[in-house]
Amino acid sequence: QVQLVESGGGLVHTGGSLRLSCVVSGRTGTYAMGWFRQAPGKERELVARIRWIGGWTYYADSVKGRFTISRDNAKNTLYLQMSSLKPEDTAVYYCAADYSSKGEYDYWGQGTQVTVSS
């Protein structure tokens, strides 16, 4: 059974930093992983994506230069380092795993809340 477990969310002031982690268990061979977020009343959006082999990355324009996605292959763990946080970054953040290379995500974590106070 594949499980994705996020951690690292919390409350932070504007300008602060947080690092999210996502541990993957139950299956290897991930093609890519992504971090998504969903704020109240808004659609879920892709924040960042990383190809597991090679490390190619993608970032949404809203987080470029502030967020960094990375992975530790040995630990099967995905990270999202978030800096210069803004109130508009407040959302539930989800990690997701793509095993098919089609840009579709097969498994999702339960989400972790990030709240940025002004």
C-alpha atoms as a PDB file:
ATOM      1  CA  GLN A   1       0.000   0.000   0.000  1.00  0.00           C
ATOM      2  CA  VAL A   2       1.446   3.338  -1.058  1.00  0.00           C
ATOM      3  CA  GLN A   3       1.483   6.040   1.578  1.00  0.00           C
ATOM      4  CA  LEU A   4       2.549   9.658   1.387  1.00  0.00           C
ATOM      5  CA  VAL A   5       2.881  11.384   4.739  1.00  0.00           C
ATOM      6  CA  GLU A   6       3.480  15.124   4.931  1.00  0.00           C
ATOM      7  CA  SER A   7       4.834  17.046   7.876  1.00  0.00           C
ATOM      8  CA  GLY A   8       6.306  20.440   8.655  1.00  0.00           C
ATOM      9  CA  GLY A   9       3.327  22.737   8.325  1.00  0.00           C
ATOM     10  CA  GLY A  10       2.495  25.353  10.902  1.00  0.00           C
ATOM     11  CA  LEU A  11       1.972  29.013  11.671  1.00  0.00           C
ATOM     12  CA  VAL A  12       4.599  31.517  10.633  1.00  0.00           C
ATOM     13  CA  HIS A  13       4.810  35.292  10.295  1.00  0.00           C
ATOM     14  CA  THR A  14       5.171  37.074   6.977  1.00  0.00           C
ATOM     15  CA  GLY A  15       8.736  36.735   5.756  1.00  0.00           C
ATOM     16  CA  GLY A  16       9.317  33.535   7.675  1.00  0.00           C
ATOM     17  CA  SER A  17      10.328  30.099   6.477  1.00  0.00           C
ATOM     18  CA  LEU A  18       9.070  26.537   6.729  1.00  0.00           C
ATOM     19  CA  ARG A  19      10.224  23.221   5.330  1.00  0.00           C
ATOM     20  CA  LEU A  20       7.670  20.611   4.384  1.00  0.00           C
ATOM     21  CA  SER A  21       8.547  16.944   4.142  1.00  0.00           C
ATOM     22  CA  CYS A  22       6.760  14.057   2.446  1.00  0.00           C
ATOM     23  CA  VAL A  23       7.811  10.481   3.106  1.00  0.00           C
ATOM     24  CA  VAL A  24       6.821   7.915   0.483  1.00  0.00           C
ATOM     25  CA  SER A  25       6.418   4.282   1.422  1.00  0.00           C
ATOM     26  CA  GLY A  26       5.040   1.153  -0.194  1.00  0.00           C
ATOM     27  CA  ARG A  27       6.338   1.591  -3.716  1.00  0.00           C
ATOM     28  CA  THR A  28       9.516   2.645  -5.478  1.00  0.00           C
ATOM     29  CA  GLY A  29      10.030   3.848  -9.022  1.00  0.00           C
ATOM     30  CA  THR A  30       8.512   7.288  -8.692  1.00  0.00           C
ATOM     31  CA  TYR A  31       8.756   9.210 -11.980  1.00  0.00           C
ATOM     32  CA  ALA A  32       8.068  12.628 -10.472  1.00  0.00           C
ATOM     33  CA  MET A  33       6.529  14.238  -7.430  1.00  0.00           C
ATOM     34  CA  GLY A  34       4.777  17.474  -6.834  1.00  0.00           C
ATOM     35  CA  TRP A  35       3.636  19.834  -4.161  1.00  0.00           C
ATOM     36  CA  PHE A  36       0.153  21.267  -4.490  1.00  0.00           C
ATOM     37  CA  ARG A  37      -1.765  23.695  -2.346  1.00  0.00           C
ATOM     38  CA  GLN A  38      -5.397  24.596  -1.867  1.00  0.00           C
ATOM     39  CA  ALA A  39      -6.592  27.700  -0.102  1.00  0.00           C
ATOM     40  CA  PRO A  40     -10.193  28.092   1.147  1.00  0.00           C
ATOM     41  CA  GLY A  41     -12.526  28.837  -1.723  1.00  0.00           C
ATOM     42  CA  LYS A  42      -9.827  28.332  -4.336  1.00  0.00           C
ATOM     43  CA  GLU A  43      -8.885  25.540  -6.693  1.00  0.00           C
ATOM     44  CA  ARG A  44      -5.961  23.293  -5.973  1.00  0.00           C
ATOM     45  CA  GLU A  45      -2.816  24.489  -7.727  1.00  0.00           C
ATOM     46  CA  LEU A  46       0.517  22.926  -8.547  1.00  0.00           C
ATOM     47  CA  VAL A  47       3.257  24.738  -6.653  1.00  0.00           C
ATOM     48  CA  ALA A  48       6.333  22.761  -7.678  1.00  0.00           C
ATOM     49  CA  ARG A  49       7.273  19.500  -9.355  1.00  0.00           C
ATOM     50  CA  ILE A  50      10.472  17.485  -9.486  1.00  0.00           C
ATOM     51  CA  ARG A  51      11.500  14.558 -11.613  1.00  0.00           C
ATOM     52  CA  TRP A  52      12.823  11.874  -9.276  1.00  0.00           C
ATOM     53  CA  ILE A  53      15.705  10.870 -11.544  1.00  0.00           C
ATOM     54  CA  GLY A  54      17.672  13.826 -12.808  1.00  0.00           C
ATOM     55  CA  GLY A  55      16.055  16.392 -10.570  1.00  0.00           C
ATOM     56  CA  TRP A  56      14.414  18.553 -13.264  1.00  0.00           C
ATOM     57  CA  THR A  57      12.127  21.058 -11.518  1.00  0.00           C
ATOM     58  CA  TYR A  58       9.124  23.246 -12.261  1.00  0.00           C
ATOM     59  CA  TYR A  59       7.770  26.116 -10.159  1.00  0.00           C
ATOM     60  CA  ALA A  60       4.620  28.140 -10.326  1.00  0.00           C
ATOM     61  CA  ASP A  61       5.336  31.795 -11.027  1.00  0.00           C
ATOM     62  CA  SER A  62       3.900  32.764  -7.657  1.00  0.00           C
ATOM     63  CA  VAL A  63       6.628  30.892  -5.761  1.00  0.00           C
ATOM     64  CA  LYS A  64       9.659  31.173  -8.032  1.00  0.00           C
ATOM     65  CA  GLY A  65      12.688  32.414  -6.147  1.00  0.00           C
ATOM     66  CA  ARG A  66      11.053  31.728  -2.775  1.00  0.00           C
ATOM     67  CA  PHE A  67      10.349  27.982  -2.734  1.00  0.00           C
ATOM     68  CA  THR A  68      12.724  25.126  -3.454  1.00  0.00           C
ATOM     69  CA  ILE A  69      11.645  21.558  -4.133  1.00  0.00           C
ATOM     70  CA  SER A  70      14.118  18.745  -3.536  1.00  0.00           C
ATOM     71  CA  ARG A  71      14.234  15.039  -2.845  1.00  0.00           C
ATOM     72  CA  ASP A  72      16.380  12.540  -0.985  1.00  0.00           C
ATOM     73  CA  ASN A  73      16.364   9.337  -2.992  1.00  0.00           C
ATOM     74  CA  ALA A  74      17.872   7.285  -0.188  1.00  0.00           C
ATOM     75  CA  LYS A  75      15.193   8.375   2.266  1.00  0.00           C
ATOM     76  CA  ASN A  76      12.384   8.357  -0.318  1.00  0.00           C
ATOM     77  CA  THR A  77      11.495  11.808   0.916  1.00  0.00           C
ATOM     78  CA  LEU A  78      10.333  14.927  -0.864  1.00  0.00           C
ATOM     79  CA  TYR A  79      10.916  18.416   0.531  1.00  0.00           C
ATOM     80  CA  LEU A  80       9.601  21.909  -0.036  1.00  0.00           C
ATOM     81  CA  GLN A  81      11.689  24.690   1.447  1.00  0.00           C
ATOM     82  CA  MET A  82       9.544  27.799   1.671  1.00  0.00           C
ATOM     83  CA  SER A  83      11.078  31.212   2.365  1.00  0.00           C
ATOM     84  CA  SER A  84       9.863  34.807   2.325  1.00  0.00           C
ATOM     85  CA  LEU A  85       6.397  33.510   3.052  1.00  0.00           C
ATOM     86  CA  LYS A  86       3.409  35.726   2.367  1.00  0.00           C
ATOM     87  CA  PRO A  87      -0.167  35.604   3.689  1.00  0.00           C
ATOM     88  CA  GLU A  88      -1.300  34.463   0.239  1.00  0.00           C
ATOM     89  CA  ASP A  89       0.780  31.303   0.696  1.00  0.00           C
ATOM     90  CA  THR A  90      -1.681  30.206   3.375  1.00  0.00           C
ATOM     91  CA  ALA A  91      -3.193  26.893   2.285  1.00  0.00           C
ATOM     92  CA  VAL A  92      -3.257  23.171   2.846  1.00  0.00           C
ATOM     93  CA  TYR A  93      -0.219  21.732   1.104  1.00  0.00           C
ATOM     94  CA  TYR A  94      -0.298  18.255  -0.423  1.00  0.00           C
ATOM     95  CA  CYS A  95       2.420  16.093  -1.887  1.00  0.00           C
ATOM     96  CA  ALA A  96       1.598  13.765  -4.752  1.00  0.00           C
ATOM     97  CA  ALA A  97       3.408  11.022  -6.658  1.00  0.00           C
ATOM     98  CA  ASP A  98       3.412  10.437 -10.406  1.00  0.00           C
ATOM     99  CA  TYR A  99       4.449   6.916 -11.408  1.00  0.00           C
ATOM    100  CA  SER A 100       3.269   6.974 -14.993  1.00  0.00           C
ATOM    101  CA  SER A 101       5.214   9.917 -16.501  1.00  0.00           C
ATOM    102  CA  LYS A 102       1.970  11.213 -17.989  1.00  0.00           C
ATOM    103  CA  GLY A 103       1.751  14.192 -15.655  1.00  0.00           C
ATOM    104  CA  GLU A 104      -1.039  12.571 -13.704  1.00  0.00           C
ATOM    105  CA  TYR A 105      -0.664  11.962 -10.002  1.00  0.00           C
ATOM    106  CA  ASP A 106      -1.446   8.500  -8.728  1.00  0.00           C
ATOM    107  CA  TYR A 107      -1.147   8.965  -4.972  1.00  0.00           C
ATOM    108  CA  TRP A 108      -1.705  11.859  -2.600  1.00  0.00           C
ATOM    109  CA  GLY A 109      -0.818  12.723   0.952  1.00  0.00           C
ATOM    110  CA  GLN A 110      -3.297  13.858   3.549  1.00  0.00           C
ATOM    111  CA  GLY A 111      -2.149  17.481   3.534  1.00  0.00           C
ATOM    112  CA  THR A 112      -0.483  19.797   5.999  1.00  0.00           C
ATOM    113  CA  GLN A 113      -1.716  23.265   6.926  1.00  0.00           C
ATOM    114  CA  VAL A 114       0.504  26.277   6.353  1.00  0.00           C
ATOM    115  CA  THR A 115      -0.705  29.574   7.787  1.00  0.00           C
ATOM    116  CA  VAL A 116       1.170  32.826   7.233  1.00  0.00           C
ATOM    117  CA  SER A 117       0.101  35.696   9.452  1.00  0.00           C
ATOM    118  CA  SER A 118       0.455  39.309   8.405  1.00  0.00           C
END
